[in-house]
Amino acid sequence: MMAPENSKFLKAYDMASSTTQQFPPDVLLHFYALYKRATEQNGFYIPPTNKGDLRSAFKINALVQVKSLSKDEAKKRYIEMVEEHIGKIPE
């Protein structure tokens, strides 16, 4: 059985994935990092990088900022971000 917060997290992810809203890059990076932290399977996730790839550097920086969060805390914060930026998550 899925825990209620997992169900709410999945609904939050669906909302974030399907929104047509435009967000500043820092908000998008925070969504990305929280999602990756909440769903990582085998330790800390590091995206593949190309030397000099600025986008990857920003992603890594965002991930480092959330690495101390537990998976459950990352899910909770992701849900809070969706509700703040997109809207209330249906029950």
C-alpha atoms as a PDB file:
ATOM      1  CA  MET A   1       0.000   0.000   0.000  1.00  0.00           C
ATOM      2  CA  MET A   2       1.284   3.441  -0.904  1.00  0.00           C
ATOM      3  CA  ALA A   3       1.770   5.945   1.925  1.00  0.00           C
ATOM      4  CA  PRO A   4      -0.498   9.018   1.640  1.00  0.00           C
ATOM      5  CA  GLU A   5       2.503  11.338   1.158  1.00  0.00           C
ATOM      6  CA  ASN A   6       3.682   9.202  -1.777  1.00  0.00           C
ATOM      7  CA  SER A   7       0.290   9.530  -3.416  1.00  0.00           C
ATOM      8  CA  LYS A   8       0.302  13.299  -2.856  1.00  0.00           C
ATOM      9  CA  PHE A   9       3.878  13.498  -4.176  1.00  0.00           C
ATOM     10  CA  LEU A  10       2.864  11.667  -7.365  1.00  0.00           C
ATOM     11  CA  LYS A  11      -0.086  14.024  -7.819  1.00  0.00           C
ATOM     12  CA  ALA A  12       2.244  16.985  -7.265  1.00  0.00           C
ATOM     13  CA  TYR A  13       4.642  15.604  -9.877  1.00  0.00           C
ATOM     14  CA  ASP A  14       1.770  15.171 -12.353  1.00  0.00           C
ATOM     15  CA  MET A  15       0.715  18.779 -11.767  1.00  0.00           C
ATOM     16  CA  ALA A  16       4.261  20.088 -12.189  1.00  0.00           C
ATOM     17  CA  SER A  17       4.825  17.988 -15.312  1.00  0.00           C
ATOM     18  CA  SER A  18       1.645  19.102 -17.028  1.00  0.00           C
ATOM     19  CA  THR A  19       1.562  22.796 -16.124  1.00  0.00           C
ATOM     20  CA  THR A  20       1.941  25.334 -18.879  1.00  0.00           C
ATOM     21  CA  GLN A  21       3.205  27.965 -16.451  1.00  0.00           C
ATOM     22  CA  GLN A  22       6.653  29.413 -17.067  1.00  0.00           C
ATOM     23  CA  PHE A  23       9.034  29.562 -14.105  1.00  0.00           C
ATOM     24  CA  PRO A  24      12.376  31.293 -13.570  1.00  0.00           C
ATOM     25  CA  PRO A  25      15.403  29.007 -13.924  1.00  0.00           C
ATOM     26  CA  ASP A  26      16.089  28.968 -10.168  1.00  0.00           C
ATOM     27  CA  VAL A  27      12.578  27.642  -9.435  1.00  0.00           C
ATOM     28  CA  LEU A  28      12.909  24.992 -12.159  1.00  0.00           C
ATOM     29  CA  LEU A  29      16.260  23.895 -10.734  1.00  0.00           C
ATOM     30  CA  HIS A  30      14.764  23.627  -7.263  1.00  0.00           C
ATOM     31  CA  PHE A  31      11.882  21.492  -8.590  1.00  0.00           C
ATOM     32  CA  TYR A  32      14.449  19.331 -10.389  1.00  0.00           C
ATOM     33  CA  ALA A  33      16.712  18.872  -7.366  1.00  0.00           C
ATOM     34  CA  LEU A  34      13.874  18.058  -4.958  1.00  0.00           C
ATOM     35  CA  TYR A  35      12.385  15.555  -7.402  1.00  0.00           C
ATOM     36  CA  LYS A  36      15.737  13.843  -7.967  1.00  0.00           C
ATOM     37  CA  ARG A  37      16.430  13.733  -4.216  1.00  0.00           C
ATOM     38  CA  ALA A  38      12.955  12.341  -3.485  1.00  0.00           C
ATOM     39  CA  THR A  39      13.197   9.619  -6.117  1.00  0.00           C
ATOM     40  CA  GLU A  40      16.873   8.619  -6.151  1.00  0.00           C
ATOM     41  CA  GLN A  41      17.456   4.897  -5.678  1.00  0.00           C
ATOM     42  CA  ASN A  42      21.155   4.348  -5.016  1.00  0.00           C
ATOM     43  CA  GLY A  43      22.575   7.259  -3.090  1.00  0.00           C
ATOM     44  CA  PHE A  44      23.224  10.804  -4.223  1.00  0.00           C
ATOM     45  CA  TYR A  45      22.298  11.422  -7.874  1.00  0.00           C
ATOM     46  CA  ILE A  46      24.875  13.194 -10.063  1.00  0.00           C
ATOM     47  CA  PRO A  47      23.812  14.037 -13.634  1.00  0.00           C
ATOM     48  CA  PRO A  48      26.180  13.209 -16.476  1.00  0.00           C
ATOM     49  CA  THR A  49      28.300  16.201 -17.408  1.00  0.00           C
ATOM     50  CA  ASN A  50      30.238  17.515 -20.354  1.00  0.00           C
ATOM     51  CA  LYS A  51      33.259  19.648 -19.545  1.00  0.00           C
ATOM     52  CA  GLY A  52      32.153  23.260 -19.710  1.00  0.00           C
ATOM     53  CA  ASP A  53      28.426  22.404 -19.666  1.00  0.00           C
ATOM     54  CA  LEU A  54      26.933  25.260 -17.663  1.00  0.00           C
ATOM     55  CA  ARG A  55      23.486  23.638 -17.421  1.00  0.00           C
ATOM     56  CA  SER A  56      24.976  20.538 -15.751  1.00  0.00           C
ATOM     57  CA  ALA A  57      26.917  22.729 -13.353  1.00  0.00           C
ATOM     58  CA  PHE A  58      23.700  24.454 -12.267  1.00  0.00           C
ATOM     59  CA  LYS A  59      21.973  21.082 -11.848  1.00  0.00           C
ATOM     60  CA  ILE A  60      24.823  19.745  -9.721  1.00  0.00           C
ATOM     61  CA  ASN A  61      24.768  22.882  -7.587  1.00  0.00           C
ATOM     62  CA  ALA A  62      20.997  22.511  -7.041  1.00  0.00           C
ATOM     63  CA  LEU A  63      21.434  18.842  -6.096  1.00  0.00           C
ATOM     64  CA  VAL A  64      24.191  19.654  -3.620  1.00  0.00           C
ATOM     65  CA  GLN A  65      21.851  22.130  -1.932  1.00  0.00           C
ATOM     66  CA  VAL A  66      19.268  19.403  -1.192  1.00  0.00           C
ATOM     67  CA  LYS A  67      21.549  16.420  -0.546  1.00  0.00           C
ATOM     68  CA  SER A  68      21.173  16.669   3.246  1.00  0.00           C
ATOM     69  CA  LEU A  69      17.381  16.210   2.997  1.00  0.00           C
ATOM     70  CA  SER A  70      15.860  12.796   3.542  1.00  0.00           C
ATOM     71  CA  LYS A  71      13.798  11.398   0.684  1.00  0.00           C
ATOM     72  CA  ASP A  72      10.624  12.047   2.707  1.00  0.00           C
ATOM     73  CA  GLU A  73      11.639  15.643   3.458  1.00  0.00           C
ATOM     74  CA  ALA A  74      12.402  16.205  -0.239  1.00  0.00           C
ATOM     75  CA  LYS A  75       8.918  14.875  -1.128  1.00  0.00           C
ATOM     76  CA  LYS A  76       7.334  17.175   1.456  1.00  0.00           C
ATOM     77  CA  ARG A  77       9.202  20.220   0.131  1.00  0.00           C
ATOM     78  CA  TYR A  78       8.389  19.304  -3.473  1.00  0.00           C
ATOM     79  CA  ILE A  79       4.681  19.153  -2.559  1.00  0.00           C
ATOM     80  CA  GLU A  80       4.969  22.533  -0.816  1.00  0.00           C
ATOM     81  CA  MET A  81       6.644  24.052  -3.894  1.00  0.00           C
ATOM     82  CA  VAL A  82       3.927  22.760  -6.207  1.00  0.00           C
ATOM     83  CA  GLU A  83       1.231  24.184  -3.953  1.00  0.00           C
ATOM     84  CA  GLU A  84       3.065  27.525  -3.727  1.00  0.00           C
ATOM     85  CA  HIS A  85       3.770  27.914  -7.443  1.00  0.00           C
ATOM     86  CA  ILE A  86       1.052  25.905  -9.213  1.00  0.00           C
ATOM     87  CA  GLY A  87      -1.894  25.326  -6.884  1.00  0.00           C
ATOM     88  CA  LYS A  88      -3.527  23.096  -4.324  1.00  0.00           C
ATOM     89  CA  ILE A  89      -3.017  19.387  -4.867  1.00  0.00           C
ATOM     90  CA  PRO A  90      -6.333  17.515  -5.034  1.00  0.00           C
ATOM     91  CA  GLU A  91      -6.900  14.907  -2.349  1.00  0.00           C
END
